[in-house]
PDB file of N, CA and C in Angstrom:
ATOM      1  N   ASP A   1       7.173   0.867  24.379  1.00  0.00           N
ATOM      2  CA  ASP A   1       6.511   0.924  23.089  1.00  0.00           C
ATOM      3  C   ASP A   1       7.262   2.129  22.162  1.00  0.00           C
ATOM      4  N   ILE A   2       8.126   1.693  21.570  1.00  0.00           N
ATOM      5  CA  ILE A   2       9.215   2.815  20.663  1.00  0.00           C
ATOM      6  C   ILE A   2       8.037   3.149  19.761  1.00  0.00           C
ATOM      7  N   LEU A   3       7.400   2.586  18.550  1.00  0.00           N
ATOM      8  CA  LEU A   3       6.362   2.935  17.883  1.00  0.00           C
ATOM      9  C   LEU A   3       5.563   3.605  18.381  1.00  0.00           C
ATOM     10  N   LYS A   4       5.038   4.243  19.894  1.00  0.00           N
ATOM     11  CA  LYS A   4       3.789   5.151  20.341  1.00  0.00           C
ATOM     12  C   LYS A   4       4.111   6.006  20.802  1.00  0.00           C
ATOM     13  N   ASP A   5       4.739   6.032  21.865  1.00  0.00           N
ATOM     14  CA  ASP A   5       5.203   6.437  23.312  1.00  0.00           C
ATOM     15  C   ASP A   5       6.707   6.631  23.375  1.00  0.00           C
ATOM     16  N   GLN A   6       6.999   5.990  23.373  1.00  0.00           N
ATOM     17  CA  GLN A   6       8.982   6.515  23.572  1.00  0.00           C
ATOM     18  C   GLN A   6       9.742   6.438  22.089  1.00  0.00           C
ATOM     19  N   TRP A   7       9.066   6.852  21.692  1.00  0.00           N
ATOM     20  CA  TRP A   7       9.847   7.030  19.706  1.00  0.00           C
ATOM     21  C   TRP A   7      11.106   7.885  20.110  1.00  0.00           C
ATOM     22  N   SER A   8      11.986   8.070  19.880  1.00  0.00           N
ATOM     23  CA  SER A   8      13.297   8.695  19.788  1.00  0.00           C
ATOM     24  C   SER A   8      13.862   8.869  18.736  1.00  0.00           C
ATOM     25  N   PRO A   9      14.358  10.146  17.971  1.00  0.00           N
ATOM     26  CA  PRO A   9      15.587  10.223  16.691  1.00  0.00           C
ATOM     27  C   PRO A   9      16.608   8.961  16.939  1.00  0.00           C
ATOM     28  N   ALA A  10      17.426   8.993  18.310  1.00  0.00           N
ATOM     29  CA  ALA A  10      18.409   8.496  18.320  1.00  0.00           C
ATOM     30  C   ALA A  10      18.117   6.687  18.126  1.00  0.00           C
ATOM     31  N   LEU A  11      17.288   6.677  18.211  1.00  0.00           N
ATOM     32  CA  LEU A  11      16.487   4.962  18.064  1.00  0.00           C
ATOM     33  C   LEU A  11      17.443   4.644  16.365  1.00  0.00           C
ATOM     34  N   THR A  12      17.564   3.402  16.109  1.00  0.00           N
ATOM     35  CA  THR A  12      18.568   3.174  15.233  1.00  0.00           C
ATOM     36  C   THR A  12      17.187   1.783  14.160  1.00  0.00           C
ATOM     37  N   ILE A  13      17.893   2.178  12.974  1.00  0.00           N
ATOM     38  CA  ILE A  13      16.584   0.704  12.284  1.00  0.00           C
ATOM     39  C   ILE A  13      16.032   0.037  12.907  1.00  0.00           C
ATOM     40  N   LYS A  14      17.256  -0.989  12.906  1.00  0.00           N
ATOM     41  CA  LYS A  14      16.982  -2.075  13.640  1.00  0.00           C
ATOM     42  C   LYS A  14      16.137  -2.150  14.716  1.00  0.00           C
ATOM     43  N   THR A  15      16.512  -1.382  15.854  1.00  0.00           N
ATOM     44  CA  THR A  15      15.702  -1.173  16.886  1.00  0.00           C
ATOM     45  C   THR A  15      14.264  -0.983  16.405  1.00  0.00           C
ATOM     46  N   ALA A  16      14.062  -0.241  15.522  1.00  0.00           N
ATOM     47  CA  ALA A  16      12.712   0.106  14.662  1.00  0.00           C
ATOM     48  C   ALA A  16      12.027  -0.911  14.331  1.00  0.00           C
ATOM     49  N   LEU A  17      12.539  -1.833  13.539  1.00  0.00           N
ATOM     50  CA  LEU A  17      12.495  -3.029  12.980  1.00  0.00           C
ATOM     51  C   LEU A  17      12.066  -3.813  13.933  1.00  0.00           C
ATOM     52  N   LEU A  18      12.687  -4.128  14.763  1.00  0.00           N
ATOM     53  CA  LEU A  18      12.199  -5.658  16.010  1.00  0.00           C
ATOM     54  C   LEU A  18      11.279  -5.140  16.471  1.00  0.00           C
ATOM     55  N   SER A  19      10.753  -3.905  16.897  1.00  0.00           N
ATOM     56  CA  SER A  19       9.873  -3.530  17.528  1.00  0.00           C
ATOM     57  C   SER A  19       8.735  -3.756  16.599  1.00  0.00           C
ATOM     58  N   LEU A  20       8.856  -2.940  15.535  1.00  0.00           N
ATOM     59  CA  LEU A  20       7.504  -3.339  14.698  1.00  0.00           C
ATOM     60  C   LEU A  20       7.350  -5.215  14.004  1.00  0.00           C
ATOM     61  N   GLN A  21       8.267  -5.764  14.029  1.00  0.00           N
ATOM     62  CA  GLN A  21       8.474  -7.262  13.932  1.00  0.00           C
ATOM     63  C   GLN A  21       7.719  -7.607  15.194  1.00  0.00           C
ATOM     64  N   ALA A  22       8.079  -7.792  16.299  1.00  0.00           N
ATOM     65  CA  ALA A  22       7.253  -7.695  17.524  1.00  0.00           C
ATOM     66  C   ALA A  22       5.994  -7.555  17.743  1.00  0.00           C
ATOM     67  N   LEU A  23       5.735  -6.504  17.347  1.00  0.00           N
ATOM     68  CA  LEU A  23       4.102  -5.716  17.540  1.00  0.00           C
ATOM     69  C   LEU A  23       3.111  -6.822  16.189  1.00  0.00           C
ATOM     70  N   LEU A  24       3.760  -7.062  15.006  1.00  0.00           N
ATOM     71  CA  LEU A  24       3.502  -8.044  13.851  1.00  0.00           C
ATOM     72  C   LEU A  24       2.507  -9.391  14.505  1.00  0.00           C
ATOM     73  N   CYS A  25       3.751 -10.073  15.478  1.00  0.00           N
ATOM     74  CA  CYS A  25       3.894 -11.360  15.212  1.00  0.00           C
ATOM     75  C   CYS A  25       2.680 -11.591  16.890  1.00  0.00           C
ATOM     76  N   SER A  26       2.492 -10.629  17.666  1.00  0.00           N
ATOM     77  CA  SER A  26       1.399 -10.561  18.621  1.00  0.00           C
ATOM     78  C   SER A  26       0.940  -9.368  18.681  1.00  0.00           C
ATOM     79  N   PRO A  27       0.056  -8.766  17.742  1.00  0.00           N
ATOM     80  CA  PRO A  27      -1.019  -7.776  18.059  1.00  0.00           C
ATOM     81  C   PRO A  27      -1.562  -7.792  19.225  1.00  0.00           C
ATOM     82  N   GLU A  28      -1.783  -6.384  20.029  1.00  0.00           N
ATOM     83  CA  GLU A  28      -2.553  -6.252  21.200  1.00  0.00           C
ATOM     84  C   GLU A  28      -3.965  -5.597  20.848  1.00  0.00           C
ATOM     85  N   PRO A  29      -4.780  -6.124  20.601  1.00  0.00           N
ATOM     86  CA  PRO A  29      -6.100  -4.967  20.169  1.00  0.00           C
ATOM     87  C   PRO A  29      -6.640  -4.126  21.221  1.00  0.00           C
ATOM     88  N   GLY A  30      -5.757  -4.498  22.755  1.00  0.00           N
ATOM     89  CA  GLY A  30      -6.475  -3.475  23.381  1.00  0.00           C
ATOM     90  C   GLY A  30      -5.434  -2.803  24.226  1.00  0.00           C
ATOM     91  N   ASP A  31      -4.314  -2.572  22.893  1.00  0.00           N
ATOM     92  CA  ASP A  31      -3.585  -1.573  23.187  1.00  0.00           C
ATOM     93  C   ASP A  31      -2.820  -1.093  21.626  1.00  0.00           C
ATOM     94  N   PRO A  32      -3.839  -0.854  21.260  1.00  0.00           N
ATOM     95  CA  PRO A  32      -3.729  -0.661  19.883  1.00  0.00           C
ATOM     96  C   PRO A  32      -2.844   0.922  19.001  1.00  0.00           C
ATOM     97  N   GLN A  33      -1.760   0.396  18.147  1.00  0.00           N
ATOM     98  CA  GLN A  33      -1.576   1.635  17.483  1.00  0.00           C
ATOM     99  C   GLN A  33      -2.801   2.582  16.707  1.00  0.00           C
ATOM    100  N   ASP A  34      -3.730   1.854  16.680  1.00  0.00           N
ATOM    101  CA  ASP A  34      -4.964   2.641  15.397  1.00  0.00           C
ATOM    102  C   ASP A  34      -6.265   2.108  16.304  1.00  0.00           C
ATOM    103  N   ALA A  35      -6.570   3.134  17.045  1.00  0.00           N
ATOM    104  CA  ALA A  35      -7.440   3.049  18.176  1.00  0.00           C
ATOM    105  C   ALA A  35      -9.280   2.487  17.322  1.00  0.00           C
ATOM    106  N   GLU A  36      -9.093   3.368  15.893  1.00  0.00           N
ATOM    107  CA  GLU A  36     -10.441   2.994  14.840  1.00  0.00           C
ATOM    108  C   GLU A  36     -10.094   1.523  14.652  1.00  0.00           C
ATOM    109  N   VAL A  37      -9.052   1.018  14.005  1.00  0.00           N
ATOM    110  CA  VAL A  37      -8.783  -0.283  13.266  1.00  0.00           C
ATOM    111  C   VAL A  37      -9.191  -1.468  14.602  1.00  0.00           C
ATOM    112  N   ALA A  38      -8.394  -1.425  15.446  1.00  0.00           N
ATOM    113  CA  ALA A  38      -8.898  -2.109  16.666  1.00  0.00           C
ATOM    114  C   ALA A  38     -10.201  -1.980  17.120  1.00  0.00           C
ATOM    115  N   LYS A  39     -10.834  -1.785  17.265  1.00  0.00           N
ATOM    116  CA  LYS A  39     -12.368  -1.275  17.734  1.00  0.00           C
ATOM    117  C   LYS A  39     -13.015  -2.217  16.584  1.00  0.00           C
ATOM    118  N   MET A  40     -13.256  -1.438  15.240  1.00  0.00           N
ATOM    119  CA  MET A  40     -13.322  -2.712  14.372  1.00  0.00           C
ATOM    120  C   MET A  40     -12.789  -3.616  14.382  1.00  0.00           C
ATOM    121  N   TYR A  41     -11.926  -4.334  14.509  1.00  0.00           N
ATOM    122  CA  TYR A  41     -11.393  -5.416  14.718  1.00  0.00           C
ATOM    123  C   TYR A  41     -11.937  -6.667  15.972  1.00  0.00           C
ATOM    124  N   MET A  42     -11.970  -5.543  17.037  1.00  0.00           N
ATOM    125  CA  MET A  42     -12.863  -6.245  18.076  1.00  0.00           C
ATOM    126  C   MET A  42     -14.192  -6.587  17.979  1.00  0.00           C
ATOM    127  N   LYS A  43     -15.251  -5.664  17.445  1.00  0.00           N
ATOM    128  CA  LYS A  43     -16.385  -5.304  17.216  1.00  0.00           C
ATOM    129  C   LYS A  43     -16.950  -6.040  16.139  1.00  0.00           C
ATOM    130  N   ASP A  44     -16.450  -5.551  15.242  1.00  0.00           N
ATOM    131  CA  ASP A  44     -17.206  -5.808  13.898  1.00  0.00           C
ATOM    132  C   ASP A  44     -16.259  -6.458  12.590  1.00  0.00           C
ATOM    133  N   ARG A  45     -15.568  -7.964  13.488  1.00  0.00           N
ATOM    134  CA  ARG A  45     -14.898  -9.142  12.041  1.00  0.00           C
ATOM    135  C   ARG A  45     -14.731  -8.780  11.096  1.00  0.00           C
ATOM    136  N   GLU A  46     -16.121  -9.283  10.625  1.00  0.00           N
ATOM    137  CA  GLU A  46     -16.491  -9.140   9.849  1.00  0.00           C
ATOM    138  C   GLU A  46     -16.071  -7.727   8.301  1.00  0.00           C
ATOM    139  N   ASN A  47     -16.191  -7.028   8.471  1.00  0.00           N
ATOM    140  CA  ASN A  47     -15.895  -5.498   8.062  1.00  0.00           C
ATOM    141  C   ASN A  47     -14.737  -5.393   8.338  1.00  0.00           C
ATOM    142  N   PHE A  48     -14.447  -5.923   9.502  1.00  0.00           N
ATOM    143  CA  PHE A  48     -12.766  -5.620   9.543  1.00  0.00           C
ATOM    144  C   PHE A  48     -12.026  -6.606   8.583  1.00  0.00           C
ATOM    145  N   ASN A  49     -12.086  -7.467   8.407  1.00  0.00           N
ATOM    146  CA  ASN A  49     -11.567  -8.896   7.452  1.00  0.00           C
ATOM    147  C   ASN A  49     -11.537  -8.240   6.174  1.00  0.00           C
ATOM    148  N   SER A  50     -13.079  -8.028   6.076  1.00  0.00           N
ATOM    149  CA  SER A  50     -13.234  -7.340   4.550  1.00  0.00           C
ATOM    150  C   SER A  50     -12.371  -6.166   4.015  1.00  0.00           C
ATOM    151  N   THR A  51     -12.915  -5.165   5.073  1.00  0.00           N
ATOM    152  CA  THR A  51     -10.838  -4.127   5.095  1.00  0.00           C
ATOM    153  C   THR A  51     -10.312  -4.399   4.360  1.00  0.00           C
ATOM    154  N   ALA A  52      -9.475  -5.584   5.482  1.00  0.00           N
ATOM    155  CA  ALA A  52      -8.584  -5.614   5.128  1.00  0.00           C
ATOM    156  C   ALA A  52      -8.007  -6.356   4.019  1.00  0.00           C
ATOM    157  N   LYS A  53      -8.998  -7.325   3.883  1.00  0.00           N
ATOM    158  CA  LYS A  53      -8.718  -7.861   2.192  1.00  0.00           C
ATOM    159  C   LYS A  53      -8.609  -6.547   1.239  1.00  0.00           C
ATOM    160  N   PHE A  54      -9.596  -5.784   1.238  1.00  0.00           N
ATOM    161  CA  PHE A  54      -9.073  -4.815   0.335  1.00  0.00           C
ATOM    162  C   PHE A  54      -7.940  -3.833  -0.213  1.00  0.00           C
ATOM    163  N   TRP A  55      -7.757  -3.680   1.818  1.00  0.00           N
ATOM    164  CA  TRP A  55      -6.498  -3.086   1.144  1.00  0.00           C
ATOM    165  C   TRP A  55      -5.155  -3.679   1.096  1.00  0.00           C
ATOM    166  N   THR A  56      -4.962  -5.048   1.360  1.00  0.00           N
ATOM    167  CA  THR A  56      -4.019  -5.691   0.882  1.00  0.00           C
ATOM    168  C   THR A  56      -4.105  -6.455  -0.160  1.00  0.00           C
ATOM    169  N   GLU A  57      -4.932  -6.554  -0.996  1.00  0.00           N
ATOM    170  CA  GLU A  57      -5.192  -6.514  -2.854  1.00  0.00           C
ATOM    171  C   GLU A  57      -5.080  -5.230  -3.190  1.00  0.00           C
ATOM    172  N   THR A  58      -5.187  -4.158  -3.286  1.00  0.00           N
ATOM    173  CA  THR A  58      -5.274  -2.824  -3.568  1.00  0.00           C
ATOM    174  C   THR A  58      -3.827  -2.433  -3.475  1.00  0.00           C
ATOM    175  N   TYR A  59      -2.674  -2.214  -2.315  1.00  0.00           N
ATOM    176  CA  TYR A  59      -1.857  -2.090  -1.709  1.00  0.00           C
ATOM    177  C   TYR A  59      -0.784  -3.027  -1.846  1.00  0.00           C
ATOM    178  N   ALA A  60      -0.839  -4.015  -1.508  1.00  0.00           N
ATOM    179  CA  ALA A  60       0.027  -5.013  -0.957  1.00  0.00           C
ATOM    180  C   ALA A  60       0.399  -6.532  -2.122  1.00  0.00           C
ATOM    181  N   LYS A  61       0.015  -6.444  -3.098  1.00  0.00           N
ATOM    182  CA  LYS A  61      -0.290  -7.451  -4.420  1.00  0.00           C
ATOM    183  C   LYS A  61       0.859  -6.883  -4.976  1.00  0.00           C
ATOM    184  N   GLU A  62       1.592  -7.563  -5.464  1.00  0.00           N
ATOM    185  CA  GLU A  62       2.739  -7.415  -6.543  1.00  0.00           C
ATOM    186  C   GLU A  62       2.482  -7.112  -8.029  1.00  0.00           C
ATOM    187  N   LEU A  63       2.854  -5.549  -8.355  1.00  0.00           N
ATOM    188  CA  LEU A  63       2.115  -5.706  -9.995  1.00  0.00           C
ATOM    189  C   LEU A  63       1.622  -6.716 -10.766  1.00  0.00           C
ATOM    190  N   ASN A  64       1.176  -6.339 -11.679  1.00  0.00           N
ATOM    191  CA  ASN A  64       0.832  -6.937 -12.568  1.00  0.00           C
ATOM    192  C   ASN A  64       0.822  -6.406 -14.384  1.00  0.00           C
ATOM    193  N   GLN A  65       2.334  -6.393 -14.745  1.00  0.00           N
ATOM    194  CA  GLN A  65       2.882  -5.294 -16.019  1.00  0.00           C
ATOM    195  C   GLN A  65       1.981  -5.254 -16.383  1.00  0.00           C
ATOM    196  N   GLU A  66       1.411  -6.870 -17.301  1.00  0.00           N
ATOM    197  CA  GLU A  66       1.066  -7.147 -18.372  1.00  0.00           C
ATOM    198  C   GLU A  66      -0.568  -6.343 -18.484  1.00  0.00           C
ATOM    199  N   ASP A  67      -1.559  -6.391 -16.933  1.00  0.00           N
ATOM    200  CA  ASP A  67      -2.835  -6.014 -16.768  1.00  0.00           C
ATOM    201  C   ASP A  67      -2.629  -3.964 -17.437  1.00  0.00           C
ATOM    202  N   ALA A  68      -1.632  -4.134 -16.979  1.00  0.00           N
ATOM    203  CA  ALA A  68      -1.455  -2.267 -16.660  1.00  0.00           C
ATOM    204  C   ALA A  68      -1.250  -1.458 -18.359  1.00  0.00           C
ATOM    205  N   ILE A  69      -0.572  -2.429 -18.409  1.00  0.00           N
ATOM    206  CA  ILE A  69      -0.530  -2.411 -20.325  1.00  0.00           C
ATOM    207  C   ILE A  69      -1.424  -2.098 -20.606  1.00  0.00           C
ATOM    208  N   SER A  70      -2.318  -3.819 -20.825  1.00  0.00           N
ATOM    209  CA  SER A  70      -3.616  -3.634 -21.428  1.00  0.00           C
ATOM    210  C   SER A  70      -4.149  -2.736 -20.876  1.00  0.00           C
ATOM    211  N   ARG A  71      -4.686  -2.426 -19.656  1.00  0.00           N
ATOM    212  CA  ARG A  71      -5.429  -1.215 -19.759  1.00  0.00           C
ATOM    213  C   ARG A  71      -5.281   0.421 -19.901  1.00  0.00           C
ATOM    214  N   VAL A  72      -3.496   0.753 -20.346  1.00  0.00           N
ATOM    215  CA  VAL A  72      -3.730   2.079 -21.048  1.00  0.00           C
ATOM    216  C   VAL A  72      -3.927   1.760 -22.133  1.00  0.00           C
ATOM    217  N   CYS A  73      -3.114   0.668 -22.913  1.00  0.00           N
ATOM    218  CA  CYS A  73      -3.527  -0.095 -24.260  1.00  0.00           C
ATOM    219  C   CYS A  73      -5.265   0.168 -24.509  1.00  0.00           C
ATOM    220  N   ASP A  74      -6.150  -0.229 -23.598  1.00  0.00           N
ATOM    221  CA  ASP A  74      -7.556   0.356 -23.897  1.00  0.00           C
ATOM    222  C   ASP A  74      -7.926   1.417 -24.109  1.00  0.00           C
ATOM    223  N   MET A  75      -6.933   2.533 -23.549  1.00  0.00           N
ATOM    224  CA  MET A  75      -7.739   4.006 -23.463  1.00  0.00           C
ATOM    225  C   MET A  75      -7.140   4.721 -24.954  1.00  0.00           C
ATOM    226  N   GLY A  76      -6.672   3.405 -25.945  1.00  0.00           N
ATOM    227  CA  GLY A  76      -5.894   4.194 -27.282  1.00  0.00           C
ATOM    228  C   GLY A  76      -4.821   4.060 -27.459  1.00  0.00           C
ATOM    229  N   PHE A  77      -3.618   4.111 -26.784  1.00  0.00           N
ATOM    230  CA  PHE A  77      -2.627   4.525 -26.759  1.00  0.00           C
ATOM    231  C   PHE A  77      -1.786   3.403 -27.245  1.00  0.00           C
ATOM    232  N   ASP A  78      -0.628   3.177 -27.845  1.00  0.00           N
ATOM    233  CA  ASP A  78      -0.106   2.213 -28.954  1.00  0.00           C
ATOM    234  C   ASP A  78       0.903   1.398 -27.661  1.00  0.00           C
ATOM    235  N   ARG A  79       1.463   0.445 -27.546  1.00  0.00           N
ATOM    236  CA  ARG A  79       1.422  -0.547 -26.328  1.00  0.00           C
ATOM    237  C   ARG A  79       2.828  -0.296 -26.169  1.00  0.00           C
ATOM    238  N   ASN A  80       4.106   0.144 -27.049  1.00  0.00           N
ATOM    239  CA  ASN A  80       5.070   0.089 -26.725  1.00  0.00           C
ATOM    240  C   ASN A  80       5.562   1.589 -26.359  1.00  0.00           C
ATOM    241  N   SER A  81       4.544   2.976 -26.767  1.00  0.00           N
ATOM    242  CA  SER A  81       4.342   4.218 -25.698  1.00  0.00           C
ATOM    243  C   SER A  81       3.791   4.317 -24.245  1.00  0.00           C
ATOM    244  N   GLY A  82       2.946   3.478 -24.410  1.00  0.00           N
ATOM    245  CA  GLY A  82       1.990   2.858 -23.053  1.00  0.00           C
ATOM    246  C   GLY A  82       3.022   2.267 -21.861  1.00  0.00           C
ATOM    247  N   LYS A  83       4.310   1.246 -22.387  1.00  0.00           N
ATOM    248  CA  LYS A  83       4.773   0.509 -21.725  1.00  0.00           C
ATOM    249  C   LYS A  83       6.222   1.692 -21.512  1.00  0.00           C
ATOM    250  N   LYS A  84       6.278   2.546 -22.118  1.00  0.00           N
ATOM    251  CA  LYS A  84       7.324   3.169 -21.845  1.00  0.00           C
ATOM    252  C   LYS A  84       7.179   4.421 -20.836  1.00  0.00           C
ATOM    253  N   ALA A  85       5.836   4.932 -20.569  1.00  0.00           N
ATOM    254  CA  ALA A  85       5.236   5.709 -19.829  1.00  0.00           C
ATOM    255  C   ALA A  85       5.235   5.294 -18.574  1.00  0.00           C
ATOM    256  N   LEU A  86       4.686   3.986 -18.638  1.00  0.00           N
ATOM    257  CA  LEU A  86       4.670   3.036 -17.306  1.00  0.00           C
ATOM    258  C   LEU A  86       5.684   2.904 -16.547  1.00  0.00           C
ATOM    259  N   GLU A  87       6.676   2.576 -17.069  1.00  0.00           N
ATOM    260  CA  GLU A  87       8.358   1.674 -16.765  1.00  0.00           C
ATOM    261  C   GLU A  87       8.806   3.577 -15.914  1.00  0.00           C
ATOM    262  N   LYS A  88       8.664   4.599 -16.973  1.00  0.00           N
ATOM    263  CA  LYS A  88       8.869   5.664 -16.334  1.00  0.00           C
ATOM    264  C   LYS A  88       8.495   6.381 -14.877  1.00  0.00           C
ATOM    265  N   HIS A  89       7.098   5.885 -14.963  1.00  0.00           N
ATOM    266  CA  HIS A  89       6.550   6.425 -13.785  1.00  0.00           C
ATOM    267  C   HIS A  89       6.658   5.394 -12.668  1.00  0.00           C
ATOM    268  N   ASN A  90       6.884   4.421 -12.762  1.00  0.00           N
ATOM    269  CA  ASN A  90       7.233   3.114 -12.020  1.00  0.00           C
ATOM    270  C   ASN A  90       5.686   2.506 -11.445  1.00  0.00           C
ATOM    271  N   TRP A  91       5.073   2.318 -12.658  1.00  0.00           N
ATOM    272  CA  TRP A  91       3.590   1.871 -13.311  1.00  0.00           C
ATOM    273  C   TRP A  91       2.045   2.121 -12.498  1.00  0.00           C
ATOM    274  N   ASP A  92       2.722   3.412 -12.234  1.00  0.00           N
ATOM    275  CA  ASP A  92       1.735   4.701 -11.918  1.00  0.00           C
ATOM    276  C   ASP A  92       1.004   5.197 -13.512  1.00  0.00           C
ATOM    277  N   GLU A  93      -0.148   3.994 -12.890  1.00  0.00           N
ATOM    278  CA  GLU A  93      -1.193   4.212 -14.512  1.00  0.00           C
ATOM    279  C   GLU A  93      -1.649   5.580 -14.711  1.00  0.00           C
ATOM    280  N   THR A  94      -1.862   6.272 -13.422  1.00  0.00           N
ATOM    281  CA  THR A  94      -2.291   7.820 -13.815  1.00  0.00           C
ATOM    282  C   THR A  94      -1.532   8.407 -14.371  1.00  0.00           C
ATOM    283  N   ALA A  95      -0.179   8.173 -13.679  1.00  0.00           N
ATOM    284  CA  ALA A  95       0.769   9.407 -14.484  1.00  0.00           C
ATOM    285  C   ALA A  95       1.019   8.906 -15.617  1.00  0.00           C
ATOM    286  N   ALA A  96       1.269   7.723 -16.106  1.00  0.00           N
ATOM    287  CA  ALA A  96       1.319   7.262 -17.235  1.00  0.00           C
ATOM    288  C   ALA A  96       0.770   7.967 -18.286  1.00  0.00           C
ATOM    289  N   VAL A  97      -0.746   8.099 -17.730  1.00  0.00           N
ATOM    290  CA  VAL A  97      -1.665   8.274 -18.757  1.00  0.00           C
ATOM    291  C   VAL A  97      -1.332  10.066 -19.289  1.00  0.00           C
ATOM    292  N   ASN A  98      -1.339  10.652 -17.997  1.00  0.00           N
ATOM    293  CA  ASN A  98      -1.440  12.338 -17.649  1.00  0.00           C
ATOM    294  C   ASN A  98      -0.294  12.193 -18.763  1.00  0.00           C
ATOM    295  N   GLU A  99       1.308  11.668 -18.720  1.00  0.00           N
ATOM    296  CA  GLU A  99       2.136  12.073 -19.649  1.00  0.00           C
ATOM    297  C   GLU A  99       2.086  11.659 -21.425  1.00  0.00           C
ATOM    298  N   LEU A 100       0.907  10.098 -21.042  1.00  0.00           N
ATOM    299  CA  LEU A 100       0.461  10.414 -22.491  1.00  0.00           C
ATOM    300  C   LEU A 100      -0.480  11.273 -23.227  1.00  0.00           C
ATOM    301  N   LEU A 101      -1.252  11.974 -22.461  1.00  0.00           N
ATOM    302  CA  LEU A 101      -2.076  13.026 -22.951  1.00  0.00           C
ATOM    303  C   LEU A 101      -1.295  14.558 -22.997  1.00  0.00           C
ATOM    304  N   GLY A 102       0.160  14.226 -22.475  1.00  0.00           N
ATOM    305  CA  GLY A 102       0.486  15.525 -22.826  1.00  0.00           C
ATOM    306  C   GLY A 102       0.528  16.556 -21.462  1.00  0.00           C
ATOM    307  N   GLY A 103       0.566  16.048 -20.133  1.00  0.00           N
ATOM    308  CA  GLY A 103       0.423  16.406 -18.951  1.00  0.00           C
ATOM    309  C   GLY A 103      -0.935  17.333 -18.695  1.00  0.00           C
ATOM    310  N   LEU A 104      -1.799  16.636 -18.750  1.00  0.00           N
ATOM    311  CA  LEU A 104      -3.346  17.044 -18.456  1.00  0.00           C
ATOM    312  C   LEU A 104      -3.258  17.511 -17.367  1.00  0.00           C
TER     313      LEU A 104
END
């Protein structure tokens, strides 16, 4: 398993991606990359599914830029300034608001 025990800096990106693809196509909870996640998967599937859903919704969904602009505007900033700050900070709302507040 090159992602776990057989890692070497000489491996190519292609080899690493093929190994990752194989892992995602055929997960092995008995020989996991993350023992805690595998334990939850095997013993508490409902909690596992809920956690996976949360992580997916939080980190794997396309950013809704209009929602981000609206949230920044709801804090009292004008739309144009809010949009520019969000674009500058790759749609990171916290960084954009910090800039709008003068770097506080």
